[in-house]
Amino acid sequence: MTDPKTILIAQIMISGMMAFCMTGFFGFLHMGLTSQWLHEWSHAFVVAWPVAFCLSLIVGKLSFTIACRITGK
């Protein structure tokens, strides 16, 4: 398995990218391509990233455990 520092950095990056993409995508679906959407997206992202990171700490290890059991590794 990868060292804890690398895993933590990866969780920071993955949660940030997912929060960025998901808040942008669903904000766009809700509001359309407007200047208000951009404004709301930035606020949603600032809230979503820390939440996504905390959740990734909780479910990350569980997900790896399940994936290893499925693949037999």
Protein backbone atom coordinates (compact mmCIF):
# COMPACT_ATOMS: atom_id res chain seq x y z
CA MET A 1 0.00 0.00 0.00
CA THR A 2 1.10 3.59 -0.52
CA ASP A 3 2.55 5.62 2.34
CA PRO A 4 0.13 7.71 4.48
CA LYS A 5 1.49 11.08 3.28
CA THR A 6 0.82 10.19 -0.36
CA ILE A 7 -2.64 8.89 0.48
CA LEU A 8 -3.48 12.11 2.36
CA ILE A 9 -2.25 14.31 -0.50
CA ALA A 10 -4.20 12.19 -2.99
CA GLN A 11 -7.37 12.53 -0.88
CA ILE A 12 -6.92 16.31 -0.77
CA MET A 13 -6.49 16.46 -4.55
CA ILE A 14 -9.28 13.99 -5.39
CA SER A 15 -11.79 15.59 -3.02
CA GLY A 16 -10.94 19.04 -4.41
CA MET A 17 -11.32 17.96 -8.02
CA MET A 18 -14.56 16.10 -7.32
CA ALA A 19 -16.03 19.02 -5.34
CA PHE A 20 -15.04 21.41 -8.14
CA CYS A 21 -16.57 19.27 -10.89
CA MET A 22 -19.72 18.26 -9.04
CA THR A 23 -20.62 21.73 -7.74
CA GLY A 24 -19.98 23.20 -11.19
CA PHE A 25 -21.96 20.55 -13.01
CA PHE A 26 -25.01 20.56 -10.77
CA GLY A 27 -24.96 24.34 -10.42
CA PHE A 28 -24.94 24.58 -14.22
CA LEU A 29 -27.86 22.16 -14.50
CA HIS A 30 -29.81 24.19 -11.97
CA MET A 31 -28.99 27.74 -13.14
CA GLY A 32 -27.63 27.52 -16.67
CA LEU A 33 -24.55 29.31 -17.96
CA THR A 34 -24.92 32.70 -16.23
CA SER A 35 -22.75 35.04 -14.22
CA GLN A 36 -24.85 34.14 -11.17
CA TRP A 37 -23.91 30.50 -11.72
CA LEU A 38 -20.22 31.37 -11.55
CA HIS A 39 -20.76 33.34 -8.36
CA GLU A 40 -22.75 30.54 -6.73
CA TRP A 41 -20.28 27.90 -7.94
CA SER A 42 -17.40 29.51 -6.11
CA HIS A 43 -19.37 29.62 -2.87
CA ALA A 44 -20.59 26.05 -3.26
CA PHE A 45 -17.05 24.83 -3.95
CA VAL A 46 -15.63 26.52 -0.84
CA VAL A 47 -18.21 24.68 1.27
CA ALA A 48 -18.10 21.38 -0.62
CA TRP A 49 -14.33 20.79 -0.62
CA PRO A 50 -13.82 20.46 3.14
CA VAL A 51 -16.95 18.32 3.40
CA ALA A 52 -15.74 16.08 0.56
CA PHE A 53 -12.31 15.78 2.17
CA CYS A 54 -13.74 14.77 5.56
CA LEU A 55 -16.01 12.22 3.91
CA SER A 56 -13.11 10.85 1.87
CA LEU A 57 -11.20 10.19 5.10
CA ILE A 58 -14.15 8.17 6.35
CA VAL A 59 -15.01 6.21 3.21
CA GLY A 60 -11.56 6.02 1.60
CA LYS A 61 -10.18 3.20 3.69
CA LEU A 62 -13.46 1.29 3.48
CA SER A 63 -13.50 1.67 -0.31
CA PHE A 64 -9.94 0.34 -0.62
CA THR A 65 -10.80 -2.60 1.63
CA ILE A 66 -13.85 -3.50 -0.47
CA ALA A 67 -11.92 -3.07 -3.73
CA CYS A 68 -9.11 -5.32 -2.49
CA ARG A 69 -11.61 -7.99 -1.48
CA ILE A 70 -13.30 -7.83 -4.88
CA THR A 71 -10.02 -8.07 -6.76
CA GLY A 72 -8.53 -10.62 -4.35
CA LYS A 73 -5.48 -8.52 -3.53
